[in-house]
Amino acid sequence: MENALPLLPREEHSEKEVALKWELFVEELKKVSYIALPMVVVTVSQHLSRVASMMMVGHLGELSLSGTAVATSLTNVTGFSLLFGMASALETLCGQAYGAEQYQKLGTYTYSAILSLLFVCLPISLLWIFMDKLLVFIGQDPLISVEAGRYAIWLIPTLVPYAILQSLIRYLQTQSLILPMLYSSIAALVFHVPVCWALVFKTKLGNAGAALAIGLSYWLNVILLVLYVKYTSTCKKTCVTFSNAVFPSMREFFSFAVPSAIMVCLEWWSCEIIVLLSGLLPNPQLETSVLSICLLVASLHYFIPYSVGAAASTRVSNELGAGCSEAARAAVWAAIVLSITEVIVASTILLCFRHVLGYAFSDVKEVVDYLDEMTPLVCLLLSMDCIQAVLSGVARGSGWQHLGAYVNLGAFYLVGIPMAALLGFVLHLRGKGLWLGLNMGSIVQSALLALVTSLTNWKKQASMAQQRIFEKRITADETC
């Protein structure tokens, strides 16, 4: 009995710790859900502006559609993915600064991001000006190349508002100010559809009008967000005037932006490579069509785990900046649980409707049957996306994008794409082989990100975040 008595307080203490951890998990689950659900609408609305433009151009004829499709793919790879990835650095910088209550640094970091991204827009614009010549040089059809080049040139004005928009989104996201982005994104989409229709069909600008409409809708979104930031009381602490402090911050921004861009682009480009490889298979029209549909389904679903990952990035960066390592850990688990729950529902729905899914995209029975066979493999990719998207958000919030870049390089370019080529061309599995290779890359990516996350010392991450923000070491969890 004497030996047993001292154990009782420990058991009570243990039970209390479990209860506190569970309470913390539930609280973080609520906060992650509050950010993630509106973010789905935000990301989908912004994506639909480009989809709507493509749909309207499709009614102009096969040549216009082909040229626009080629230009859209190349501009995504060479421009939009780069700006999107670089802007993600603000999820680390602004998120941790906000958690540490260094509110003025959010405005400074956002200005530095906008200036840095505008600087990057210059070489991108130069590349897009000569896109038609580049396409002809690599053997593309001259007529399609001219149409693609025309569309790319008219897309150049969208780079400036896109760069500003991505910076403002991260600025507001890291403060959990999601509703303004929700309203402005919906307003921009509602504005885009009639304007795009008018520019494409009424002004006879064709696909150039579709590109111009995208830029105008981005500008409207930017203007609405700027007005909100300027006149709302919620941004008074973080909205600062432009100062000389912006220029030194650009160096710090680039130190996170470069690996962040590499991390995003390596994954984005791997999907484009798989589609290009499908064009080299026997019966390329069938293979390319089915793989494109599979990627479309996967990319549409990806907005959900990406939004959960964005919420995880916000919560993790805020808590690390505040020095609360346990809350950061709880946010990771909350995001993973939410994402896994969603993908179970999504995969179940896809599998239940696998026999008729193809009819949403084509009336050709060969395409429908092929897509029926591919659906379980699509569900496997969705399952991996639900893990890697969340853990990629954790990487951005924690500031270890460089590790994420190495993971994506190894997963997709040392495993995924080589295995896709082996299975598709050597073992003659064709489209299934290419998709299996992409799945293998995604599985390796998810496993490596999970390993890195599980080995993360959250107290050390919190100390590093505060050391960088305050330029001195503060013991993690001392402010919680």
Protein backbone atom coordinates (compact mmCIF):
# COMPACT_ATOMS: atom_id res chain seq x y z
CA MET A 1 0.00 0.00 0.00
CA GLU A 2 2.81 2.41 0.84
CA ASN A 3 4.27 1.89 -2.62
CA ALA A 4 0.87 2.30 -4.28
CA LEU A 5 -0.12 5.58 -2.66
CA PRO A 6 2.41 7.80 -4.45
CA LEU A 7 1.14 6.47 -7.79
CA LEU A 8 -2.36 7.90 -7.29
CA PRO A 9 -1.43 11.54 -7.78
CA ARG A 10 0.52 10.55 -10.88
CA GLU A 11 -2.53 8.76 -12.30
CA GLU A 12 -4.70 11.76 -11.56
CA HIS A 13 -2.11 14.00 -13.15
CA SER A 14 -1.94 11.72 -16.20
CA GLU A 15 -5.72 11.76 -16.60
CA LYS A 16 -5.72 15.53 -16.33
CA GLU A 17 -3.02 15.78 -19.01
CA VAL A 18 -5.03 13.54 -21.36
CA ALA A 19 -8.15 15.64 -20.76
CA LEU A 20 -6.23 18.86 -21.47
CA LYS A 21 -4.73 17.42 -24.65
CA TRP A 22 -8.15 16.25 -25.84
CA GLU A 23 -9.63 19.67 -25.09
CA LEU A 24 -6.78 21.33 -26.99
CA PHE A 25 -7.32 18.96 -29.96
CA VAL A 26 -11.05 19.72 -30.11
CA GLU A 27 -10.36 23.46 -29.93
CA GLU A 28 -7.83 23.24 -32.76
CA LEU A 29 -10.23 21.12 -34.82
CA LYS A 30 -12.79 23.94 -34.58
CA LYS A 31 -10.22 26.57 -35.56
CA VAL A 32 -8.88 24.54 -38.49
CA SER A 33 -12.42 23.90 -39.76
CA TYR A 34 -13.29 27.60 -39.45
CA ILE A 35 -10.41 28.49 -41.77
CA ALA A 36 -10.54 25.49 -44.12
CA LEU A 37 -14.21 25.52 -45.15
CA PRO A 38 -14.30 29.11 -46.52
CA MET A 39 -10.83 28.60 -48.05
CA VAL A 40 -12.30 25.84 -50.25
CA VAL A 41 -14.70 28.37 -51.77
CA VAL A 42 -11.91 30.95 -52.15
CA THR A 43 -9.56 28.61 -54.03
CA VAL A 44 -12.33 27.11 -56.19
CA SER A 45 -13.69 30.56 -57.12
CA GLN A 46 -10.27 31.77 -58.24
CA HIS A 47 -9.69 28.59 -60.25
CA LEU A 48 -13.10 28.79 -61.93
CA SER A 49 -12.26 32.13 -63.56
CA ARG A 50 -9.66 30.36 -65.72
CA VAL A 51 -11.98 27.41 -66.31
CA ALA A 52 -14.79 29.75 -67.43
CA SER A 53 -12.43 31.46 -69.88
CA MET A 54 -11.41 28.08 -71.30
CA MET A 55 -15.04 27.01 -71.69
CA MET A 56 -15.93 30.15 -73.64
CA VAL A 57 -12.87 29.90 -75.87
CA GLY A 58 -13.94 26.32 -76.63
CA HIS A 59 -16.92 27.73 -78.56
CA LEU A 60 -14.62 29.68 -80.90
CA GLY A 61 -13.31 26.56 -82.62
CA GLU A 62 -10.76 23.80 -82.31
CA LEU A 63 -7.75 25.98 -83.16
CA SER A 64 -8.55 28.60 -80.52
CA LEU A 65 -9.20 25.92 -77.92
CA SER A 66 -5.98 24.05 -78.72
CA GLY A 67 -3.88 27.21 -78.60
CA THR A 68 -5.47 28.36 -75.35
CA ALA A 69 -5.04 24.91 -73.75
CA VAL A 70 -1.34 24.81 -74.66
CA ALA A 71 -0.81 28.37 -73.44
CA THR A 72 -2.70 27.70 -70.20
CA SER A 73 -0.51 24.69 -69.46
CA LEU A 74 2.74 26.54 -70.19
CA THR A 75 1.79 29.75 -68.36
CA ASN A 76 0.83 27.67 -65.33
CA VAL A 77 4.20 25.93 -65.37
CA THR A 78 6.39 28.94 -66.14
CA GLY A 79 4.53 31.69 -64.30
CA PHE A 80 1.52 31.18 -62.06
CA SER A 81 2.96 28.16 -60.21
CA LEU A 82 6.17 30.11 -59.51
CA LEU A 83 4.35 33.16 -58.11
CA PHE A 84 1.94 30.96 -56.15
CA GLY A 85 4.82 29.02 -54.59
CA MET A 86 6.87 32.09 -53.72
CA ALA A 87 3.89 33.82 -52.08
CA SER A 88 3.54 30.79 -49.80
CA ALA A 89 6.62 32.03 -47.93
CA LEU A 90 4.32 34.55 -46.23
CA GLU A 91 2.58 31.63 -44.51
CA THR A 92 5.78 31.22 -42.51
CA LEU A 93 6.75 34.86 -42.06
CA CYS A 94 3.36 36.50 -41.49
CA GLY A 95 1.92 33.51 -39.62
CA GLN A 96 4.70 33.35 -37.05
CA ALA A 97 4.89 37.13 -36.70
CA TYR A 98 1.15 37.29 -36.02
CA GLY A 99 1.40 34.54 -33.41
CA ALA A 100 4.24 36.46 -31.72
CA GLU A 101 2.08 39.62 -31.77
CA GLN A 102 4.61 41.44 -33.93
CA TYR A 103 1.75 42.87 -35.95
CA GLN A 104 3.60 45.56 -37.88
CA LYS A 105 5.90 42.94 -39.39
CA LEU A 106 2.93 41.47 -41.28
CA GLY A 107 2.55 44.65 -43.30
CA THR A 108 6.30 44.90 -43.88
CA TYR A 109 6.56 41.27 -45.02
CA THR A 110 3.56 41.68 -47.35
CA TYR A 111 5.08 44.77 -49.00
CA SER A 112 8.37 42.91 -49.45
CA ALA A 113 6.53 39.95 -51.00
CA ILE A 114 4.65 42.17 -53.46
CA LEU A 115 7.84 43.94 -54.56
CA SER A 116 9.74 40.65 -54.88
CA LEU A 117 6.99 39.00 -56.92
CA LEU A 118 6.64 42.01 -59.22
CA PHE A 119 10.38 41.79 -59.87
CA VAL A 120 9.99 38.09 -60.77
CA CYS A 121 7.15 39.01 -63.16
CA LEU A 122 9.64 40.72 -65.49
CA PRO A 123 11.51 37.61 -66.72
CA ILE A 124 8.22 35.69 -66.83
CA SER A 125 6.74 38.37 -69.11
CA LEU A 126 9.77 38.23 -71.37
CA LEU A 127 9.38 34.46 -71.71
CA TRP A 128 5.67 34.74 -72.50
CA ILE A 129 6.30 37.34 -75.21
CA PHE A 130 8.35 34.78 -77.14
CA MET A 131 6.19 31.76 -76.31
CA ASP A 132 5.05 31.26 -79.92
CA LYS A 133 8.66 31.05 -81.10
CA LEU A 134 9.51 28.68 -78.25
CA LEU A 135 6.65 26.36 -79.19
CA VAL A 136 7.66 26.31 -82.85
CA PHE A 137 11.26 25.61 -81.80
CA ILE A 138 10.21 22.51 -79.84
CA GLY A 139 8.19 21.19 -82.77
CA GLN A 140 4.63 22.33 -82.05
CA ASP A 141 2.16 23.11 -84.83
CA PRO A 142 2.81 26.70 -86.09
CA LEU A 143 -0.89 27.66 -86.14
CA ILE A 144 -1.44 26.42 -82.59
CA SER A 145 1.80 28.14 -81.52
CA VAL A 146 0.59 31.49 -82.86
CA GLU A 147 -2.73 31.17 -81.01
CA ALA A 148 -0.95 30.11 -77.82
CA GLY A 149 1.52 33.00 -78.12
CA ARG A 150 -1.31 35.50 -78.59
CA TYR A 151 -3.13 34.22 -75.52
CA ALA A 152 0.09 34.25 -73.45
CA ILE A 153 0.84 37.87 -74.39
CA TRP A 154 -2.63 38.95 -73.30
CA LEU A 155 -2.12 37.06 -70.04
CA ILE A 156 0.94 39.16 -69.15
CA PRO A 157 -1.22 41.95 -67.59
CA THR A 158 -2.68 39.34 -65.21
CA LEU A 159 0.72 38.74 -63.59
CA VAL A 160 0.71 42.00 -61.62
CA PRO A 161 -2.73 41.57 -59.99
CA TYR A 162 -2.04 37.85 -59.47
CA ALA A 163 1.19 38.62 -57.59
CA ILE A 164 -0.55 41.22 -55.40
CA LEU A 165 -3.57 38.96 -54.87
CA GLN A 166 -1.51 35.97 -53.70
CA SER A 167 0.36 38.21 -51.23
CA LEU A 168 -2.87 39.71 -49.84
CA ILE A 169 -4.43 36.26 -49.50
CA ARG A 170 -1.53 35.05 -47.34
CA TYR A 171 -1.60 38.32 -45.34
CA LEU A 172 -5.28 37.80 -44.47
CA GLN A 173 -5.09 34.01 -44.18
CA THR A 174 -2.40 34.12 -41.50
CA GLN A 175 -4.70 36.37 -39.43
CA SER A 176 -7.63 33.95 -39.96
CA LEU A 177 -9.52 36.70 -41.83
CA ILE A 178 -11.13 34.32 -44.31
CA LEU A 179 -14.58 35.83 -44.90
CA PRO A 180 -13.30 38.94 -46.76
CA MET A 181 -11.45 36.66 -49.18
CA LEU A 182 -14.58 34.53 -49.55
CA TYR A 183 -16.79 37.49 -50.49
CA SER A 184 -14.23 39.13 -52.79
CA SER A 185 -13.51 35.85 -54.63
CA ILE A 186 -17.21 35.19 -55.26
CA ALA A 187 -17.71 38.81 -56.40
CA ALA A 188 -14.75 38.51 -58.80
CA LEU A 189 -16.13 35.28 -60.28
CA VAL A 190 -19.62 36.76 -60.72
CA PHE A 191 -17.98 39.75 -62.44
CA HIS A 192 -15.74 37.54 -64.59
CA VAL A 193 -18.38 35.44 -66.34
CA PRO A 194 -20.36 38.21 -68.10
CA VAL A 195 -17.24 40.30 -68.79
CA CYS A 196 -15.45 37.32 -70.31
CA TRP A 197 -18.49 36.52 -72.47
CA ALA A 198 -18.66 40.12 -73.68
CA LEU A 199 -14.95 40.37 -74.46
CA VAL A 200 -14.81 36.99 -76.23
CA PHE A 201 -17.97 37.17 -78.33
CA LYS A 202 -19.07 40.83 -78.52
CA THR A 203 -15.75 42.63 -79.02
CA LYS A 204 -14.38 39.89 -81.32
CA LEU A 205 -11.18 39.68 -79.26
CA GLY A 206 -11.47 35.89 -79.14
CA ASN A 207 -9.10 34.12 -76.80
CA ALA A 208 -7.33 37.43 -76.12
CA GLY A 209 -10.58 38.66 -74.56
CA ALA A 210 -10.66 35.60 -72.32
CA ALA A 211 -7.14 36.36 -71.07
CA LEU A 212 -8.00 40.04 -70.55
CA ALA A 213 -11.09 39.08 -68.54
CA ILE A 214 -8.97 37.00 -66.15
CA GLY A 215 -6.77 40.03 -65.47
CA LEU A 216 -9.77 42.28 -64.87
CA SER A 217 -11.34 39.84 -62.41
CA TYR A 218 -8.02 39.56 -60.56
CA TRP A 219 -7.81 43.36 -60.35
CA LEU A 220 -11.35 43.55 -58.95
CA ASN A 221 -10.42 40.97 -56.32
CA VAL A 222 -7.29 42.95 -55.42
CA ILE A 223 -9.18 46.25 -55.19
CA LEU A 224 -11.85 44.76 -52.92
CA LEU A 225 -9.23 43.27 -50.58
CA VAL A 226 -7.18 46.49 -50.50
CA LEU A 227 -10.31 48.48 -49.59
CA TYR A 228 -11.07 46.00 -46.82
CA VAL A 229 -7.53 46.15 -45.41
CA LYS A 230 -7.45 49.95 -45.59
CA TYR A 231 -10.80 50.71 -44.00
CA THR A 232 -11.54 47.84 -41.61
CA SER A 233 -10.63 48.04 -37.94
CA THR A 234 -9.50 44.38 -37.89
CA CYS A 235 -6.35 45.21 -39.88
CA LYS A 236 -5.35 48.38 -38.03
CA LYS A 237 -2.58 46.65 -36.11
CA THR A 238 -1.05 44.95 -39.14
CA CYS A 239 -1.61 47.55 -41.87
CA VAL A 240 1.47 49.79 -42.00
CA THR A 241 2.73 52.42 -44.39
CA PHE A 242 5.51 51.65 -46.82
CA SER A 243 8.96 52.26 -45.28
CA ASN A 244 12.65 51.50 -45.78
CA ALA A 245 12.23 48.42 -43.57
CA VAL A 246 10.61 46.70 -46.55
CA PHE A 247 13.85 46.36 -48.53
CA PRO A 248 15.87 44.41 -45.91
CA SER A 249 12.83 42.14 -45.47
CA MET A 250 13.01 41.18 -49.14
CA ARG A 251 16.15 39.16 -48.45
CA GLU A 252 14.41 37.26 -45.65
CA PHE A 253 11.38 36.73 -47.90
CA PHE A 254 13.51 35.25 -50.70
CA SER A 255 15.20 32.87 -48.24
CA PHE A 256 11.80 31.21 -47.71
CA ALA A 257 10.24 31.98 -51.11
CA VAL A 258 12.80 30.14 -53.25
CA PRO A 259 12.50 26.72 -51.52
CA SER A 260 8.75 27.27 -51.20
CA ALA A 261 8.46 27.84 -54.96
CA ILE A 262 10.64 24.81 -55.70
CA MET A 263 8.49 22.70 -53.38
CA VAL A 264 5.26 23.73 -55.16
CA CYS A 265 6.61 23.71 -58.72
CA LEU A 266 8.24 20.28 -58.54
CA GLU A 267 4.90 18.71 -57.67
CA TRP A 268 2.90 20.86 -60.14
CA TRP A 269 5.27 20.11 -63.01
CA SER A 270 5.25 16.35 -62.41
CA CYS A 271 1.54 16.20 -63.32
CA GLU A 272 2.18 18.13 -66.54
CA ILE A 273 5.01 15.72 -67.43
CA ILE A 274 2.69 12.73 -66.97
CA VAL A 275 0.15 14.24 -69.39
CA LEU A 276 2.90 14.96 -71.94
CA LEU A 277 4.16 11.36 -71.64
CA SER A 278 0.64 10.05 -72.31
CA GLY A 279 0.81 11.66 -75.75
CA LEU A 280 3.67 9.27 -76.65
CA LEU A 281 1.60 6.12 -75.95
CA PRO A 282 -0.22 4.04 -78.57
CA ASN A 283 -3.71 5.51 -79.12
CA PRO A 284 -2.62 8.86 -77.62
CA GLN A 285 -6.06 10.47 -77.98
CA LEU A 286 -7.67 7.93 -75.64
CA GLU A 287 -4.77 7.88 -73.16
CA THR A 288 -4.41 11.66 -73.01
CA SER A 289 -8.16 12.18 -72.69
CA VAL A 290 -8.56 9.71 -69.82
CA LEU A 291 -5.45 10.86 -67.93
CA SER A 292 -6.51 14.50 -68.36
CA ILE A 293 -9.93 13.65 -66.89
CA CYS A 294 -8.28 11.79 -63.99
CA LEU A 295 -6.05 14.79 -63.28
CA LEU A 296 -9.05 17.12 -63.56
CA VAL A 297 -10.96 15.08 -60.95
CA ALA A 298 -7.89 14.93 -58.71
CA SER A 299 -7.17 18.66 -59.08
CA LEU A 300 -10.78 19.62 -58.33
CA HIS A 301 -10.70 17.51 -55.17
CA TYR A 302 -7.24 18.86 -54.26
CA PHE A 303 -8.78 22.22 -53.36
CA ILE A 304 -10.25 20.61 -50.24
CA PRO A 305 -7.07 19.11 -48.70
CA TYR A 306 -5.12 22.18 -49.88
CA SER A 307 -7.54 24.39 -47.93
CA VAL A 308 -7.16 22.17 -44.86
CA GLY A 309 -3.38 22.44 -45.36
CA ALA A 310 -3.68 26.23 -45.54
CA ALA A 311 -5.60 26.17 -42.27
CA ALA A 312 -2.93 23.92 -40.74
CA SER A 313 -0.22 26.30 -41.97
CA THR A 314 -1.99 29.24 -40.34
CA ARG A 315 -2.59 27.54 -37.01
CA VAL A 316 0.90 25.99 -36.81
CA SER A 317 2.68 29.23 -37.74
CA ASN A 318 0.56 31.26 -35.30
CA GLU A 319 1.22 28.89 -32.40
CA LEU A 320 4.95 28.55 -33.15
CA GLY A 321 5.22 32.33 -33.27
CA ALA A 322 3.46 32.47 -29.90
CA GLY A 323 5.84 29.83 -28.54
CA CYS A 324 3.06 27.26 -27.97
CA SER A 325 4.50 24.01 -29.27
CA GLU A 326 1.73 21.74 -27.90
CA ALA A 327 -0.97 23.77 -29.64
CA ALA A 328 1.00 23.55 -32.90
CA ARG A 329 1.20 19.77 -32.55
CA ALA A 330 -2.56 19.61 -31.83
CA ALA A 331 -3.26 21.68 -34.94
CA VAL A 332 -1.35 19.15 -37.08
CA TRP A 333 -3.41 16.24 -35.74
CA ALA A 334 -6.67 18.16 -36.10
CA ALA A 335 -5.93 18.95 -39.76
CA ILE A 336 -4.96 15.33 -40.52
CA VAL A 337 -8.12 13.94 -38.92
CA LEU A 338 -10.31 16.45 -40.79
CA SER A 339 -8.63 15.71 -44.11
CA ILE A 340 -8.79 11.90 -43.73
CA THR A 341 -12.49 12.10 -42.83
CA GLU A 342 -13.19 14.14 -45.96
CA VAL A 343 -11.23 11.86 -48.32
CA ILE A 344 -13.07 8.78 -47.05
CA VAL A 345 -16.37 10.44 -48.01
CA ALA A 346 -15.03 11.65 -51.38
CA SER A 347 -13.51 8.27 -52.32
CA THR A 348 -16.69 6.43 -51.33
CA ILE A 349 -18.77 8.69 -53.58
CA LEU A 350 -16.36 8.26 -56.52
CA LEU A 351 -16.30 4.48 -56.18
CA CYS A 352 -20.09 4.30 -55.97
CA PHE A 353 -20.47 6.29 -59.20
CA ARG A 354 -17.41 4.90 -61.02
CA HIS A 355 -19.54 3.20 -63.71
CA VAL A 356 -21.22 6.45 -64.79
CA LEU A 357 -18.48 8.97 -63.95
CA GLY A 358 -17.12 8.97 -67.49
CA TYR A 359 -20.44 10.12 -68.98
CA ALA A 360 -19.93 13.50 -67.28
CA PHE A 361 -16.97 14.05 -69.63
CA SER A 362 -17.60 11.94 -72.73
CA ASP A 363 -20.22 9.89 -74.60
CA VAL A 364 -17.57 7.53 -75.98
CA LYS A 365 -17.98 4.13 -74.29
CA GLU A 366 -14.27 3.36 -74.59
CA VAL A 367 -13.47 6.47 -72.52
CA VAL A 368 -16.20 5.69 -69.98
CA ASP A 369 -15.01 2.09 -69.48
CA TYR A 370 -11.35 3.14 -69.21
CA LEU A 371 -12.24 5.76 -66.59
CA ASP A 372 -14.21 3.11 -64.70
CA GLU A 373 -11.02 1.03 -64.42
CA MET A 374 -8.93 4.06 -63.41
CA THR A 375 -11.25 5.29 -60.62
CA PRO A 376 -9.75 3.11 -57.80
CA LEU A 377 -6.30 4.44 -58.74
CA VAL A 378 -7.68 7.99 -58.69
CA CYS A 379 -9.03 7.35 -55.19
CA LEU A 380 -5.58 6.18 -54.12
CA LEU A 381 -4.10 9.49 -55.29
CA LEU A 382 -6.84 11.40 -53.46
CA SER A 383 -5.92 9.52 -50.28
CA MET A 384 -2.27 10.49 -50.63
CA ASP A 385 -3.24 14.09 -51.44
CA CYS A 386 -5.19 14.36 -48.19
CA ILE A 387 -1.98 13.58 -46.27
CA GLN A 388 0.65 15.42 -48.31
CA ALA A 389 -1.43 18.58 -48.76
CA VAL A 390 -1.88 18.93 -45.01
CA LEU A 391 1.75 18.11 -44.23
CA SER A 392 2.92 20.51 -46.96
CA GLY A 393 0.88 23.18 -45.17
CA VAL A 394 2.59 22.21 -41.92
CA ALA A 395 5.95 22.57 -43.69
CA ARG A 396 5.06 26.09 -44.85
CA GLY A 397 3.81 27.07 -41.40
CA SER A 398 6.90 25.66 -39.70
CA GLY A 399 9.39 27.18 -42.15
CA TRP A 400 11.04 23.98 -43.38
CA GLN A 401 10.11 24.39 -47.05
CA HIS A 402 13.65 23.40 -48.01
CA LEU A 403 12.99 19.92 -46.64
CA GLY A 404 9.71 19.83 -48.53
CA ALA A 405 11.57 20.71 -51.74
CA TYR A 406 14.01 17.82 -51.26
CA VAL A 407 11.10 15.48 -50.51
CA ASN A 408 9.24 16.46 -53.69
CA LEU A 409 12.40 16.20 -55.78
CA GLY A 410 13.09 12.68 -54.56
CA ALA A 411 9.48 11.50 -54.56
CA PHE A 412 8.50 12.61 -58.06
CA TYR A 413 11.73 12.85 -60.04
CA LEU A 414 13.68 9.93 -58.57
CA VAL A 415 10.70 7.63 -58.00
CA GLY A 416 7.41 8.80 -59.53
CA ILE A 417 8.30 9.80 -63.10
CA PRO A 418 10.94 7.05 -63.66
CA MET A 419 8.45 4.43 -62.41
CA ALA A 420 5.74 5.93 -64.62
CA ALA A 421 8.01 5.62 -67.67
CA LEU A 422 8.97 2.04 -66.71
CA LEU A 423 5.40 0.88 -66.11
CA GLY A 424 3.88 2.79 -69.01
CA PHE A 425 6.41 2.12 -71.78
CA VAL A 426 8.62 -0.82 -70.77
CA LEU A 427 5.99 -3.00 -69.07
CA HIS A 428 3.31 -1.76 -71.51
CA LEU A 429 0.75 -0.81 -68.87
CA ARG A 430 0.26 2.42 -70.83
CA GLY A 431 -2.00 5.00 -69.12
CA LYS A 432 -2.45 2.85 -66.02
CA GLY A 433 1.30 2.55 -65.72
CA LEU A 434 1.81 6.31 -65.95
CA TRP A 435 -0.85 6.88 -63.30
CA LEU A 436 0.60 4.19 -61.06
CA GLY A 437 3.99 5.90 -61.29
CA LEU A 438 2.40 9.20 -60.24
CA ASN A 439 0.72 7.38 -57.35
CA MET A 440 4.04 5.86 -56.26
CA GLY A 441 5.61 9.31 -56.22
CA SER A 442 2.72 10.63 -54.14
CA ILE A 443 2.98 7.69 -51.71
CA VAL A 444 6.72 8.31 -51.22
CA GLN A 445 6.07 12.04 -50.82
CA SER A 446 3.39 11.46 -48.15
CA ALA A 447 5.56 8.92 -46.31
CA LEU A 448 8.61 11.21 -46.24
CA LEU A 449 6.59 14.26 -45.14
CA ALA A 450 4.97 12.15 -42.42
CA LEU A 451 8.41 10.99 -41.28
CA VAL A 452 9.77 14.55 -41.17
CA THR A 453 6.70 15.76 -39.28
CA SER A 454 6.85 12.90 -36.75
CA LEU A 455 10.52 13.66 -36.05
CA THR A 456 9.93 17.40 -35.64
CA ASN A 457 10.91 18.86 -32.29
CA TRP A 458 8.05 21.32 -31.84
CA LYS A 459 9.59 23.07 -28.84
CA LYS A 460 12.72 23.71 -30.87
CA GLN A 461 10.64 24.96 -33.81
CA ALA A 462 8.82 27.37 -31.50
CA SER A 463 12.12 28.65 -30.07
CA MET A 464 13.54 29.12 -33.58
CA ALA A 465 10.45 31.02 -34.69
CA GLN A 466 10.63 33.41 -31.77
CA GLN A 467 14.39 33.76 -32.05
CA ARG A 468 14.03 34.90 -35.66
CA ILE A 469 11.11 37.24 -34.95
CA PHE A 470 12.52 38.83 -31.79
CA GLU A 471 16.18 38.28 -32.74
CA LYS A 472 16.81 36.62 -29.38
CA ARG A 473 16.10 33.21 -27.92
CA ILE A 474 12.92 32.79 -25.93
CA THR A 475 12.05 29.54 -24.22
CA ALA A 476 9.24 27.74 -26.05
CA ASP A 477 5.86 27.62 -24.26
CA GLU A 478 6.81 30.36 -21.81
CA THR A 479 4.21 32.68 -23.33
CA CYS A 480 1.34 30.14 -23.31
